[in-house]
Amino acid sequence: MSQDPSARRAATMVDVAAAAGISRGTVSRYVNGRGYVSPHARQKIEQAVAEVGFVPNVAARRLAGAAARHIALVVHEDVARFAQDANLGAMMVGANRRLNQLDYQLVVLIAGDQPAIERLQQTIRGGLIDAAMLASARLNDPIFGLLQAAGLPVAVVGRHPELPAAAAVDVDNRGGAREIVTRLLATGRRQVGLIAGPADAQSALDREEGFRDATGT
């Protein structure tokens, strides 16, 4: 009688080592990303992993102190707005493309309300995230504290005074708004208005400052 494939024993690092003809210790260094593994051994291990169908146990790797190889894109936004925002979609696609090249998995965590933020906290505390990218953050955002308390490396989309030491990617919102308004005024227009963004978004405040720089208001 043939064995049910669903009941088949999951492959282990021992199986990978046997198939590759390499020591279990070398396989462990490769899987956990800790220590040197020669290019030749790496190639044989990768072939063996595919052959035996080995899938690393992320929880066990975390207990061993290894990286989970999961990077979170944390978005403080309502899920419907996230789906409609072309900028956020482009961030997700670009981040996923680059992380795939580095053998990391992108995890998207959307926190649009307080219950979602609390679930986010539990996910972060679970130890399955190695680092986080934070988008659509607000001023005095509670997510700042959650990420800092978890000790995670954080990169922020935009300028946020509350995380001065965090890596950040931003555009010159103030300078851009100032230049746009200055050009409008140079064409003879005298009634220039500003459609402001959210009052708790630093980018919106920076654009307002640029508007005021140009109009003297």
C-alpha atoms as a PDB file:
ATOM      1  CA  MET A   1       0.000   0.000   0.000  1.00  0.00           C
ATOM      2  CA  SER A   2       1.447   3.404  -0.964  1.00  0.00           C
ATOM      3  CA  GLN A   3       2.083   5.924   1.765  1.00  0.00           C
ATOM      4  CA  ASP A   4      -0.100   9.018   1.934  1.00  0.00           C
ATOM      5  CA  PRO A   5       2.174  11.934   0.910  1.00  0.00           C
ATOM      6  CA  SER A   6       0.564  14.161   3.525  1.00  0.00           C
ATOM      7  CA  ALA A   7       1.731  11.757   6.240  1.00  0.00           C
ATOM      8  CA  ARG A   8       5.315  11.675   5.025  1.00  0.00           C
ATOM      9  CA  ARG A   9       7.945  12.731   7.576  1.00  0.00           C
ATOM     10  CA  ALA A  10       9.222  16.269   7.074  1.00  0.00           C
ATOM     11  CA  ALA A  11      12.800  16.454   5.840  1.00  0.00           C
ATOM     12  CA  THR A  12      15.422  17.570   8.367  1.00  0.00           C
ATOM     13  CA  MET A  13      18.943  18.971   8.240  1.00  0.00           C
ATOM     14  CA  VAL A  14      20.187  15.408   8.751  1.00  0.00           C
ATOM     15  CA  ASP A  15      18.478  14.433   5.492  1.00  0.00           C
ATOM     16  CA  VAL A  16      20.019  17.426   3.722  1.00  0.00           C
ATOM     17  CA  ALA A  17      23.472  16.549   5.048  1.00  0.00           C
ATOM     18  CA  ALA A  18      23.146  12.926   3.903  1.00  0.00           C
ATOM     19  CA  ALA A  19      21.939  13.912   0.434  1.00  0.00           C
ATOM     20  CA  ALA A  20      24.693  16.521   0.048  1.00  0.00           C
ATOM     21  CA  GLY A  21      27.458  14.352   1.519  1.00  0.00           C
ATOM     22  CA  ILE A  22      28.320  17.205   3.885  1.00  0.00           C
ATOM     23  CA  SER A  23      28.403  17.400   7.683  1.00  0.00           C
ATOM     24  CA  ARG A  24      25.286  18.417   9.574  1.00  0.00           C
ATOM     25  CA  GLY A  25      27.258  21.274  11.157  1.00  0.00           C
ATOM     26  CA  THR A  26      27.960  22.789   7.745  1.00  0.00           C
ATOM     27  CA  VAL A  27      24.303  22.456   6.777  1.00  0.00           C
ATOM     28  CA  SER A  28      23.323  24.116  10.061  1.00  0.00           C
ATOM     29  CA  ARG A  29      25.644  27.070   9.384  1.00  0.00           C
ATOM     30  CA  TYR A  30      24.116  27.456   5.932  1.00  0.00           C
ATOM     31  CA  VAL A  31      20.498  27.253   7.117  1.00  0.00           C
ATOM     32  CA  ASN A  32      21.017  29.596  10.077  1.00  0.00           C
ATOM     33  CA  GLY A  33      23.238  32.027   8.205  1.00  0.00           C
ATOM     34  CA  ARG A  34      25.937  31.816  10.883  1.00  0.00           C
ATOM     35  CA  GLY A  35      29.522  30.983  10.043  1.00  0.00           C
ATOM     36  CA  TYR A  36      31.428  30.336   6.840  1.00  0.00           C
ATOM     37  CA  VAL A  37      30.182  27.930   4.175  1.00  0.00           C
ATOM     38  CA  SER A  38      32.280  27.504   1.049  1.00  0.00           C
ATOM     39  CA  PRO A  39      30.681  28.176  -2.354  1.00  0.00           C
ATOM     40  CA  HIS A  40      31.109  24.493  -3.282  1.00  0.00           C
ATOM     41  CA  ALA A  41      29.378  23.305  -0.101  1.00  0.00           C
ATOM     42  CA  ARG A  42      26.662  25.925  -0.499  1.00  0.00           C
ATOM     43  CA  GLN A  43      25.884  24.667  -4.003  1.00  0.00           C
ATOM     44  CA  LYS A  44      25.669  21.039  -2.863  1.00  0.00           C
ATOM     45  CA  ILE A  45      23.446  21.993   0.078  1.00  0.00           C
ATOM     46  CA  GLU A  46      21.088  23.977  -2.129  1.00  0.00           C
ATOM     47  CA  GLN A  47      20.777  21.016  -4.478  1.00  0.00           C
ATOM     48  CA  ALA A  48      20.104  18.692  -1.539  1.00  0.00           C
ATOM     49  CA  VAL A  49      17.511  21.060  -0.053  1.00  0.00           C
ATOM     50  CA  ALA A  50      15.585  20.963  -3.331  1.00  0.00           C
ATOM     51  CA  GLU A  51      16.007  17.188  -3.598  1.00  0.00           C
ATOM     52  CA  VAL A  52      14.669  16.270  -0.154  1.00  0.00           C
ATOM     53  CA  GLY A  53      12.158  19.131   0.111  1.00  0.00           C
ATOM     54  CA  PHE A  54      13.630  20.624   3.260  1.00  0.00           C
ATOM     55  CA  VAL A  55      11.802  23.637   4.755  1.00  0.00           C
ATOM     56  CA  PRO A  56      13.553  25.399   7.679  1.00  0.00           C
ATOM     57  CA  ASN A  57      11.603  25.611  10.928  1.00  0.00           C
ATOM     58  CA  VAL A  58      11.536  29.343  11.598  1.00  0.00           C
ATOM     59  CA  ALA A  59      10.549  28.999  15.250  1.00  0.00           C
ATOM     60  CA  ALA A  60      13.408  26.589  15.937  1.00  0.00           C
ATOM     61  CA  ARG A  61      15.856  28.900  14.188  1.00  0.00           C
ATOM     62  CA  ARG A  62      14.762  31.787  16.415  1.00  0.00           C
ATOM     63  CA  LEU A  63      15.304  29.663  19.532  1.00  0.00           C
ATOM     64  CA  ALA A  64      18.800  28.974  18.259  1.00  0.00           C
ATOM     65  CA  GLY A  65      19.421  32.685  17.847  1.00  0.00           C
ATOM     66  CA  ALA A  66      19.321  32.644  14.063  1.00  0.00           C
ATOM     67  CA  ALA A  67      17.682  35.307  11.926  1.00  0.00           C
ATOM     68  CA  ALA A  68      14.119  34.618  10.813  1.00  0.00           C
ATOM     69  CA  ARG A  69      14.860  36.346   7.487  1.00  0.00           C
ATOM     70  CA  HIS A  70      11.529  38.144   7.627  1.00  0.00           C
ATOM     71  CA  ILE A  71      11.407  41.911   7.066  1.00  0.00           C
ATOM     72  CA  ALA A  72       8.137  43.696   7.827  1.00  0.00           C
ATOM     73  CA  LEU A  73       6.618  46.577   5.916  1.00  0.00           C
ATOM     74  CA  VAL A  74       4.512  48.140   8.663  1.00  0.00           C
ATOM     75  CA  VAL A  75       1.828  50.461   7.323  1.00  0.00           C
ATOM     76  CA  HIS A  76      -0.153  52.638   9.731  1.00  0.00           C
ATOM     77  CA  GLU A  77      -3.131  53.004   7.425  1.00  0.00           C
ATOM     78  CA  ASP A  78      -6.618  51.643   6.852  1.00  0.00           C
ATOM     79  CA  VAL A  79      -6.467  48.530   4.691  1.00  0.00           C
ATOM     80  CA  ALA A  80      -8.825  50.014   2.072  1.00  0.00           C
ATOM     81  CA  ARG A  81      -6.672  53.107   1.725  1.00  0.00           C
ATOM     82  CA  PHE A  82      -3.565  50.956   1.508  1.00  0.00           C
ATOM     83  CA  ALA A  83      -5.070  49.073  -1.418  1.00  0.00           C
ATOM     84  CA  GLN A  84      -5.858  52.337  -3.224  1.00  0.00           C
ATOM     85  CA  ASP A  85      -2.556  54.127  -2.576  1.00  0.00           C
ATOM     86  CA  ALA A  86      -0.246  53.731  -5.573  1.00  0.00           C
ATOM     87  CA  ASN A  87       2.775  54.931  -3.566  1.00  0.00           C
ATOM     88  CA  LEU A  88       2.339  52.263  -0.900  1.00  0.00           C
ATOM     89  CA  GLY A  89       1.825  49.611  -3.559  1.00  0.00           C
ATOM     90  CA  ALA A  90       5.030  50.657  -5.299  1.00  0.00           C
ATOM     91  CA  MET A  91       6.917  50.520  -1.976  1.00  0.00           C
ATOM     92  CA  MET A  92       5.686  46.987  -1.369  1.00  0.00           C
ATOM     93  CA  VAL A  93       6.647  45.798  -4.868  1.00  0.00           C
ATOM     94  CA  GLY A  94      10.085  47.426  -4.736  1.00  0.00           C
ATOM     95  CA  ALA A  95      10.850  46.143  -1.247  1.00  0.00           C
ATOM     96  CA  ASN A  96       9.732  42.630  -2.145  1.00  0.00           C
ATOM     97  CA  ARG A  97      11.887  42.602  -5.276  1.00  0.00           C
ATOM     98  CA  ARG A  98      15.016  43.646  -3.391  1.00  0.00           C
ATOM     99  CA  LEU A  99      14.431  41.347  -0.423  1.00  0.00           C
ATOM    100  CA  ASN A 100      13.952  38.389  -2.756  1.00  0.00           C
ATOM    101  CA  GLN A 101      17.401  39.102  -4.171  1.00  0.00           C
ATOM    102  CA  LEU A 102      18.803  38.956  -0.626  1.00  0.00           C
ATOM    103  CA  ASP A 103      16.899  35.775   0.313  1.00  0.00           C
ATOM    104  CA  TYR A 104      14.571  37.557   2.735  1.00  0.00           C
ATOM    105  CA  GLN A 105      10.793  37.331   2.934  1.00  0.00           C
ATOM    106  CA  LEU A 106       8.659  40.469   2.974  1.00  0.00           C
ATOM    107  CA  VAL A 107       5.819  40.506   5.508  1.00  0.00           C
ATOM    108  CA  VAL A 108       3.199  43.260   5.171  1.00  0.00           C
ATOM    109  CA  LEU A 109       1.589  44.314   8.463  1.00  0.00           C
ATOM    110  CA  ILE A 110      -1.274  46.818   8.173  1.00  0.00           C
ATOM    111  CA  ALA A 111      -2.420  48.584  11.335  1.00  0.00           C
ATOM    112  CA  GLY A 112      -5.412  50.820  10.704  1.00  0.00           C
ATOM    113  CA  ASP A 113      -6.981  50.952  14.167  1.00  0.00           C
ATOM    114  CA  GLN A 114      -6.183  50.223  17.803  1.00  0.00           C
ATOM    115  CA  PRO A 115      -7.089  46.500  17.722  1.00  0.00           C
ATOM    116  CA  ALA A 116      -4.852  46.094  14.675  1.00  0.00           C
ATOM    117  CA  ILE A 117      -2.011  47.889  16.461  1.00  0.00           C
ATOM    118  CA  GLU A 118      -2.413  45.504  19.405  1.00  0.00           C
ATOM    119  CA  ARG A 119      -2.238  42.502  17.057  1.00  0.00           C
ATOM    120  CA  LEU A 120       0.824  44.068  15.472  1.00  0.00           C
ATOM    121  CA  GLN A 121       2.438  44.243  18.899  1.00  0.00           C
ATOM    122  CA  GLN A 122       1.885  40.527  19.442  1.00  0.00           C
ATOM    123  CA  THR A 123       3.359  39.713  16.035  1.00  0.00           C
ATOM    124  CA  ILE A 124       6.459  41.794  16.711  1.00  0.00           C
ATOM    125  CA  ARG A 125       6.910  40.233  20.150  1.00  0.00           C
ATOM    126  CA  GLY A 126       6.699  36.772  18.583  1.00  0.00           C
ATOM    127  CA  GLY A 127      10.277  37.105  17.383  1.00  0.00           C
ATOM    128  CA  LEU A 128       9.580  36.249  13.758  1.00  0.00           C
ATOM    129  CA  ILE A 129      10.545  39.691  12.413  1.00  0.00           C
ATOM    130  CA  ASP A 130      14.185  40.723  11.968  1.00  0.00           C
ATOM    131  CA  ALA A 131      13.638  44.371  11.002  1.00  0.00           C
ATOM    132  CA  ALA A 132      10.874  46.739   9.957  1.00  0.00           C
ATOM    133  CA  MET A 133      10.129  49.449   7.433  1.00  0.00           C
ATOM    134  CA  LEU A 134       7.508  51.893   8.700  1.00  0.00           C
ATOM    135  CA  ALA A 135       5.278  53.771   6.254  1.00  0.00           C
ATOM    136  CA  SER A 136       2.419  56.250   6.758  1.00  0.00           C
ATOM    137  CA  ALA A 137       3.554  56.909  10.316  1.00  0.00           C
ATOM    138  CA  ARG A 138       1.853  59.684  12.286  1.00  0.00           C
ATOM    139  CA  LEU A 139       3.237  62.212  14.719  1.00  0.00           C
ATOM    140  CA  ASN A 140       3.413  60.675  18.212  1.00  0.00           C
ATOM    141  CA  ASP A 141       2.721  57.334  16.554  1.00  0.00           C
ATOM    142  CA  PRO A 142       2.347  54.449  19.066  1.00  0.00           C
ATOM    143  CA  ILE A 143       3.975  52.100  16.557  1.00  0.00           C
ATOM    144  CA  PHE A 144       7.289  53.909  17.115  1.00  0.00           C
ATOM    145  CA  GLY A 145       7.329  52.701  20.701  1.00  0.00           C
ATOM    146  CA  LEU A 146       6.386  49.132  19.772  1.00  0.00           C
ATOM    147  CA  LEU A 147       9.263  48.816  17.314  1.00  0.00           C
ATOM    148  CA  GLN A 148      11.764  50.414  19.682  1.00  0.00           C
ATOM    149  CA  ALA A 149      10.676  48.200  22.584  1.00  0.00           C
ATOM    150  CA  ALA A 150      11.214  45.130  20.398  1.00  0.00           C
ATOM    151  CA  GLY A 151      14.762  46.278  19.658  1.00  0.00           C
ATOM    152  CA  LEU A 152      14.227  45.958  15.915  1.00  0.00           C
ATOM    153  CA  PRO A 153      16.269  47.867  13.338  1.00  0.00           C
ATOM    154  CA  VAL A 154      13.834  50.342  11.770  1.00  0.00           C
ATOM    155  CA  ALA A 155      13.807  52.275   8.503  1.00  0.00           C
ATOM    156  CA  VAL A 156      11.183  54.995   8.163  1.00  0.00           C
ATOM    157  CA  VAL A 157       9.479  56.362   5.084  1.00  0.00           C
ATOM    158  CA  GLY A 158       9.515  60.128   5.622  1.00  0.00           C
ATOM    159  CA  ARG A 159      10.994  62.435   8.237  1.00  0.00           C
ATOM    160  CA  HIS A 160       9.981  61.790  11.820  1.00  0.00           C
ATOM    161  CA  PRO A 161      11.552  63.821  14.660  1.00  0.00           C
ATOM    162  CA  GLU A 162      10.614  61.074  17.137  1.00  0.00           C
ATOM    163  CA  LEU A 163      13.029  58.635  15.479  1.00  0.00           C
ATOM    164  CA  PRO A 164      16.062  60.811  14.720  1.00  0.00           C
ATOM    165  CA  ALA A 165      18.480  57.858  14.770  1.00  0.00           C
ATOM    166  CA  ALA A 166      16.441  55.634  12.445  1.00  0.00           C
ATOM    167  CA  ALA A 167      17.356  55.226   8.797  1.00  0.00           C
ATOM    168  CA  ALA A 168      14.929  57.264   6.709  1.00  0.00           C
ATOM    169  CA  VAL A 169      14.006  57.792   3.069  1.00  0.00           C
ATOM    170  CA  ASP A 170      12.324  61.104   2.329  1.00  0.00           C
ATOM    171  CA  VAL A 171      11.796  63.806  -0.261  1.00  0.00           C
ATOM    172  CA  ASP A 172      12.159  67.549   0.250  1.00  0.00           C
ATOM    173  CA  ASN A 173       8.486  68.285   0.898  1.00  0.00           C
ATOM    174  CA  ARG A 174       9.128  71.798   2.177  1.00  0.00           C
ATOM    175  CA  GLY A 175      11.472  72.746  -0.650  1.00  0.00           C
ATOM    176  CA  GLY A 176       9.194  71.203  -3.278  1.00  0.00           C
ATOM    177  CA  ALA A 177       6.118  73.069  -2.060  1.00  0.00           C
ATOM    178  CA  ARG A 178       8.089  76.320  -1.869  1.00  0.00           C
ATOM    179  CA  GLU A 179       9.321  75.930  -5.453  1.00  0.00           C
ATOM    180  CA  ILE A 180       5.847  75.109  -6.822  1.00  0.00           C
ATOM    181  CA  VAL A 181       4.231  78.130  -5.169  1.00  0.00           C
ATOM    182  CA  THR A 182       7.105  80.417  -6.196  1.00  0.00           C
ATOM    183  CA  ARG A 183       6.635  79.407  -9.841  1.00  0.00           C
ATOM    184  CA  LEU A 184       2.890  79.973  -9.646  1.00  0.00           C
ATOM    185  CA  LEU A 185       3.412  83.437  -8.203  1.00  0.00           C
ATOM    186  CA  ALA A 186       5.975  84.207 -10.925  1.00  0.00           C
ATOM    187  CA  THR A 187       3.249  83.690 -13.571  1.00  0.00           C
ATOM    188  CA  GLY A 188       1.202  86.513 -12.072  1.00  0.00           C
ATOM    189  CA  ARG A 189      -1.142  84.494  -9.911  1.00  0.00           C
ATOM    190  CA  ARG A 190      -1.931  86.068  -6.576  1.00  0.00           C
ATOM    191  CA  GLN A 191      -4.512  83.726  -5.022  1.00  0.00           C
ATOM    192  CA  VAL A 192      -2.698  80.450  -4.440  1.00  0.00           C
ATOM    193  CA  GLY A 193      -4.250  77.896  -2.126  1.00  0.00           C
ATOM    194  CA  LEU A 194      -2.927  74.822  -0.360  1.00  0.00           C
ATOM    195  CA  ILE A 195      -4.874  71.572  -0.045  1.00  0.00           C
ATOM    196  CA  ALA A 196      -3.312  70.305   3.153  1.00  0.00           C
ATOM    197  CA  GLY A 197      -2.733  66.673   4.053  1.00  0.00           C
ATOM    198  CA  PRO A 198      -3.411  65.046   7.447  1.00  0.00           C
ATOM    199  CA  ALA A 199      -2.539  67.314  10.372  1.00  0.00           C
ATOM    200  CA  ASP A 200      -0.679  64.455  12.073  1.00  0.00           C
ATOM    201  CA  ALA A 201       1.565  63.739   9.075  1.00  0.00           C
ATOM    202  CA  GLN A 202       5.027  65.344   9.100  1.00  0.00           C
ATOM    203  CA  SER A 203       5.086  65.463   5.289  1.00  0.00           C
ATOM    204  CA  ALA A 204       1.913  67.571   5.236  1.00  0.00           C
ATOM    205  CA  LEU A 205       3.327  69.951   7.831  1.00  0.00           C
ATOM    206  CA  ASP A 206       6.542  70.297   5.816  1.00  0.00           C
ATOM    207  CA  ARG A 207       4.573  71.158   2.666  1.00  0.00           C
ATOM    208  CA  GLU A 208       2.613  73.761   4.591  1.00  0.00           C
ATOM    209  CA  GLU A 209       5.885  75.312   5.767  1.00  0.00           C
ATOM    210  CA  GLY A 210       7.066  75.469   2.143  1.00  0.00           C
ATOM    211  CA  PHE A 211       3.819  77.174   1.160  1.00  0.00           C
ATOM    212  CA  ARG A 212       4.282  79.740   3.903  1.00  0.00           C
ATOM    213  CA  ASP A 213       7.929  80.302   2.912  1.00  0.00           C
ATOM    214  CA  ALA A 214       6.823  81.258  -0.601  1.00  0.00           C
ATOM    215  CA  THR A 215       3.770  83.324   0.313  1.00  0.00           C
ATOM    216  CA  GLY A 216       5.161  85.001   3.422  1.00  0.00           C
ATOM    217  CA  THR A 217       2.087  84.034   5.418  1.00  0.00           C
END
